[in-house]
Amino acid sequence: MQENLEQNKINAIAFYKMAYQGNPRKATEKYVGKEYIQHNPSVGDGIGEFIKYFERMQEEYPEKSIEFVRVVAEGNLVALHTHQVWPGNEEYVTMDFFRFDEYGKIVEHWDSIQKIPEGSANDNGMY
């Protein structure tokens, strides 16, 4: 079981990085199962809608960047905690959750995105 957790973590990062950096079609072919259930309200449901969304993101924002800060796996879920920088130096914290099927393929996704504010009521940072 631990081996699957580690492989799922590796695959979740590879999938997200490949899609984010402009190759969502290859990412889905390599890492997604027969279905892809999407919970982000800005992205349509299914593999085709995922590809369209990330192709548009790459076209509109080719200079965006992502850093994977944390990866946590439990059961058939992997959570990614990331730092993203978008044009104009807008920075975001994201948390993405992926559900894997019994074949080690991604079949479901949830996320939460928060813009990093200029100031903070504490000195702890967002990571």
C-alpha atoms as a PDB file:
ATOM      1  CA  MET A   1       0.000   0.000   0.000  1.00  0.00           C
ATOM      2  CA  GLN A   2       2.807   2.442   0.870  1.00  0.00           C
ATOM      3  CA  GLU A   3       4.290   1.871  -2.598  1.00  0.00           C
ATOM      4  CA  ASN A   4       0.995   2.937  -4.203  1.00  0.00           C
ATOM      5  CA  LEU A   5       0.868   6.057  -2.034  1.00  0.00           C
ATOM      6  CA  GLU A   6       4.351   7.091  -3.119  1.00  0.00           C
ATOM      7  CA  GLN A   7       3.640   6.360  -6.790  1.00  0.00           C
ATOM      8  CA  ASN A   8       0.344   8.249  -6.627  1.00  0.00           C
ATOM      9  CA  LYS A   9       2.169  11.261  -5.165  1.00  0.00           C
ATOM     10  CA  ILE A  10       4.728  11.157  -7.981  1.00  0.00           C
ATOM     11  CA  ASN A  11       1.973  10.792 -10.586  1.00  0.00           C
ATOM     12  CA  ALA A  12      -0.154  13.619  -9.168  1.00  0.00           C
ATOM     13  CA  ILE A  13       2.794  16.032  -9.359  1.00  0.00           C
ATOM     14  CA  ALA A  14       3.766  14.883 -12.845  1.00  0.00           C
ATOM     15  CA  PHE A  15       0.164  15.189 -14.060  1.00  0.00           C
ATOM     16  CA  TYR A  16      -0.350  18.657 -12.638  1.00  0.00           C
ATOM     17  CA  LYS A  17       3.030  19.941 -13.804  1.00  0.00           C
ATOM     18  CA  MET A  18       2.564  18.598 -17.339  1.00  0.00           C
ATOM     19  CA  ALA A  19      -0.925  20.107 -17.668  1.00  0.00           C
ATOM     20  CA  TYR A  20       0.043  23.411 -16.027  1.00  0.00           C
ATOM     21  CA  GLN A  21       3.093  23.826 -18.256  1.00  0.00           C
ATOM     22  CA  GLY A  22       1.062  23.457 -21.419  1.00  0.00           C
ATOM     23  CA  ASN A  23       0.572  19.814 -22.298  1.00  0.00           C
ATOM     24  CA  PRO A  24      -2.771  18.793 -20.762  1.00  0.00           C
ATOM     25  CA  ARG A  25      -3.556  16.317 -23.543  1.00  0.00           C
ATOM     26  CA  LYS A  26      -0.421  14.276 -22.843  1.00  0.00           C
ATOM     27  CA  ALA A  27      -1.046  14.586 -19.097  1.00  0.00           C
ATOM     28  CA  THR A  28      -4.526  13.102 -19.411  1.00  0.00           C
ATOM     29  CA  GLU A  29      -3.366  10.345 -21.761  1.00  0.00           C
ATOM     30  CA  LYS A  30      -0.659   9.302 -19.317  1.00  0.00           C
ATOM     31  CA  TYR A  31      -2.244   9.845 -15.892  1.00  0.00           C
ATOM     32  CA  VAL A  32      -6.066   9.958 -16.136  1.00  0.00           C
ATOM     33  CA  GLY A  33      -8.448   7.010 -16.039  1.00  0.00           C
ATOM     34  CA  LYS A  34     -11.545   6.414 -18.138  1.00  0.00           C
ATOM     35  CA  GLU A  35     -13.446   9.200 -16.376  1.00  0.00           C
ATOM     36  CA  TYR A  36     -12.449  12.550 -14.923  1.00  0.00           C
ATOM     37  CA  ILE A  37     -14.859  14.139 -12.466  1.00  0.00           C
ATOM     38  CA  GLN A  38     -14.159  17.840 -12.001  1.00  0.00           C
ATOM     39  CA  HIS A  39     -15.290  19.824  -8.944  1.00  0.00           C
ATOM     40  CA  ASN A  40     -13.680  23.188  -9.817  1.00  0.00           C
ATOM     41  CA  PRO A  41     -16.649  25.372 -10.889  1.00  0.00           C
ATOM     42  CA  SER A  42     -14.473  27.191 -13.459  1.00  0.00           C
ATOM     43  CA  VAL A  43     -13.662  24.003 -15.374  1.00  0.00           C
ATOM     44  CA  GLY A  44     -16.133  21.809 -17.232  1.00  0.00           C
ATOM     45  CA  ASP A  45     -16.536  18.158 -16.312  1.00  0.00           C
ATOM     46  CA  GLY A  46     -14.587  15.454 -18.133  1.00  0.00           C
ATOM     47  CA  ILE A  47     -11.254  14.996 -19.857  1.00  0.00           C
ATOM     48  CA  GLY A  48     -12.048  17.135 -22.921  1.00  0.00           C
ATOM     49  CA  GLU A  49     -13.074  20.115 -20.797  1.00  0.00           C
ATOM     50  CA  PHE A  50      -9.928  19.770 -18.676  1.00  0.00           C
ATOM     51  CA  ILE A  51      -7.767  19.836 -21.817  1.00  0.00           C
ATOM     52  CA  LYS A  52      -9.590  22.902 -23.198  1.00  0.00           C
ATOM     53  CA  TYR A  53      -9.191  24.776 -19.910  1.00  0.00           C
ATOM     54  CA  PHE A  54      -5.465  24.142 -19.550  1.00  0.00           C
ATOM     55  CA  GLU A  55      -4.725  24.805 -23.229  1.00  0.00           C
ATOM     56  CA  ARG A  56      -6.447  28.189 -22.829  1.00  0.00           C
ATOM     57  CA  MET A  57      -4.517  28.883 -19.614  1.00  0.00           C
ATOM     58  CA  GLN A  58      -1.231  28.160 -21.395  1.00  0.00           C
ATOM     59  CA  GLU A  59      -2.172  30.418 -24.308  1.00  0.00           C
ATOM     60  CA  GLU A  60      -3.297  33.288 -22.080  1.00  0.00           C
ATOM     61  CA  TYR A  61      -0.678  32.943 -19.319  1.00  0.00           C
ATOM     62  CA  PRO A  62       2.463  31.244 -20.675  1.00  0.00           C
ATOM     63  CA  GLU A  63       4.705  32.825 -18.011  1.00  0.00           C
ATOM     64  CA  LYS A  64       2.905  31.380 -14.993  1.00  0.00           C
ATOM     65  CA  SER A  65       4.918  29.210 -12.611  1.00  0.00           C
ATOM     66  CA  ILE A  66       4.221  26.595  -9.971  1.00  0.00           C
ATOM     67  CA  GLU A  67       6.128  25.209  -7.000  1.00  0.00           C
ATOM     68  CA  PHE A  68       4.981  22.091  -5.158  1.00  0.00           C
ATOM     69  CA  VAL A  69       5.339  22.822  -1.450  1.00  0.00           C
ATOM     70  CA  ARG A  70       3.720  19.724   0.074  1.00  0.00           C
ATOM     71  CA  VAL A  71       2.327  16.404  -1.080  1.00  0.00           C
ATOM     72  CA  VAL A  72       0.196  14.232   1.179  1.00  0.00           C
ATOM     73  CA  ALA A  73      -1.329  10.855   0.336  1.00  0.00           C
ATOM     74  CA  GLU A  74      -3.844   8.712   2.158  1.00  0.00           C
ATOM     75  CA  GLY A  75      -5.864   5.837   0.774  1.00  0.00           C
ATOM     76  CA  ASN A  76      -6.730   6.687  -2.832  1.00  0.00           C
ATOM     77  CA  LEU A  77      -6.292  10.469  -2.388  1.00  0.00           C
ATOM     78  CA  VAL A  78      -3.349  12.773  -3.003  1.00  0.00           C
ATOM     79  CA  ALA A  79      -3.266  16.414  -1.882  1.00  0.00           C
ATOM     80  CA  LEU A  80      -0.925  18.967  -3.459  1.00  0.00           C
ATOM     81  CA  HIS A  81      -0.155  22.269  -1.706  1.00  0.00           C
ATOM     82  CA  THR A  82       1.336  24.679  -4.239  1.00  0.00           C
ATOM     83  CA  HIS A  83       2.644  28.199  -4.720  1.00  0.00           C
ATOM     84  CA  GLN A  84       1.708  29.733  -8.058  1.00  0.00           C
ATOM     85  CA  VAL A  85       2.928  33.000  -9.583  1.00  0.00           C
ATOM     86  CA  TRP A  86       0.877  34.513 -12.395  1.00  0.00           C
ATOM     87  CA  PRO A  87       1.493  37.549 -14.639  1.00  0.00           C
ATOM     88  CA  GLY A  88       1.827  40.779 -12.712  1.00  0.00           C
ATOM     89  CA  ASN A  89       3.437  38.772  -9.885  1.00  0.00           C
ATOM     90  CA  GLU A  90       0.056  37.755  -8.490  1.00  0.00           C
ATOM     91  CA  GLU A  91       0.750  34.906  -6.099  1.00  0.00           C
ATOM     92  CA  TYR A  92      -1.657  32.156  -5.106  1.00  0.00           C
ATOM     93  CA  VAL A  93      -1.782  29.277  -2.672  1.00  0.00           C
ATOM     94  CA  THR A  94      -3.599  26.263  -4.081  1.00  0.00           C
ATOM     95  CA  MET A  95      -4.633  22.962  -2.611  1.00  0.00           C
ATOM     96  CA  ASP A  96      -5.596  20.257  -5.079  1.00  0.00           C
ATOM     97  CA  PHE A  97      -7.001  16.860  -4.208  1.00  0.00           C
ATOM     98  CA  PHE A  98      -6.932  13.949  -6.637  1.00  0.00           C
ATOM     99  CA  ARG A  99      -8.713  10.621  -6.299  1.00  0.00           C
ATOM    100  CA  PHE A 100      -7.021   7.639  -7.925  1.00  0.00           C
ATOM    101  CA  ASP A 101      -8.746   4.497  -9.205  1.00  0.00           C
ATOM    102  CA  GLU A 102      -7.580   0.920  -8.565  1.00  0.00           C
ATOM    103  CA  TYR A 103      -5.249   1.162 -11.599  1.00  0.00           C
ATOM    104  CA  GLY A 104      -3.371   4.181 -10.250  1.00  0.00           C
ATOM    105  CA  LYS A 105      -5.102   6.650 -12.591  1.00  0.00           C
ATOM    106  CA  ILE A 106      -6.580  10.011 -11.605  1.00  0.00           C
ATOM    107  CA  VAL A 107     -10.378  10.036 -11.838  1.00  0.00           C
ATOM    108  CA  GLU A 108     -11.540  12.967  -9.698  1.00  0.00           C
ATOM    109  CA  HIS A 109     -10.308  16.443  -8.723  1.00  0.00           C
ATOM    110  CA  TRP A 110     -11.146  19.122  -6.142  1.00  0.00           C
ATOM    111  CA  ASP A 111      -9.258  22.349  -5.480  1.00  0.00           C
ATOM    112  CA  SER A 112      -9.164  25.539  -3.479  1.00  0.00           C
ATOM    113  CA  ILE A 113      -7.324  28.677  -4.578  1.00  0.00           C
ATOM    114  CA  GLN A 114      -6.453  31.725  -2.487  1.00  0.00           C
ATOM    115  CA  LYS A 115      -4.620  34.874  -3.544  1.00  0.00           C
ATOM    116  CA  ILE A 116      -1.711  35.672  -1.236  1.00  0.00           C
ATOM    117  CA  PRO A 117      -2.518  39.063   0.323  1.00  0.00           C
ATOM    118  CA  GLU A 118      -0.128  41.998   0.672  1.00  0.00           C
ATOM    119  CA  GLY A 119      -0.294  41.837   4.459  1.00  0.00           C
ATOM    120  CA  SER A 120      -1.136  39.321   7.146  1.00  0.00           C
ATOM    121  CA  ALA A 121      -2.496  39.476  10.696  1.00  0.00           C
ATOM    122  CA  ASN A 122       0.278  37.027  11.713  1.00  0.00           C
ATOM    123  CA  ASP A 123       3.916  36.317  10.795  1.00  0.00           C
ATOM    124  CA  ASN A 124       3.407  32.622   9.973  1.00  0.00           C
ATOM    125  CA  GLY A 125       3.155  32.881   6.204  1.00  0.00           C
ATOM    126  CA  MET A 126       0.851  30.733   4.133  1.00  0.00           C
ATOM    127  CA  TYR A 127       3.199  27.759   3.861  1.00  0.00           C
END
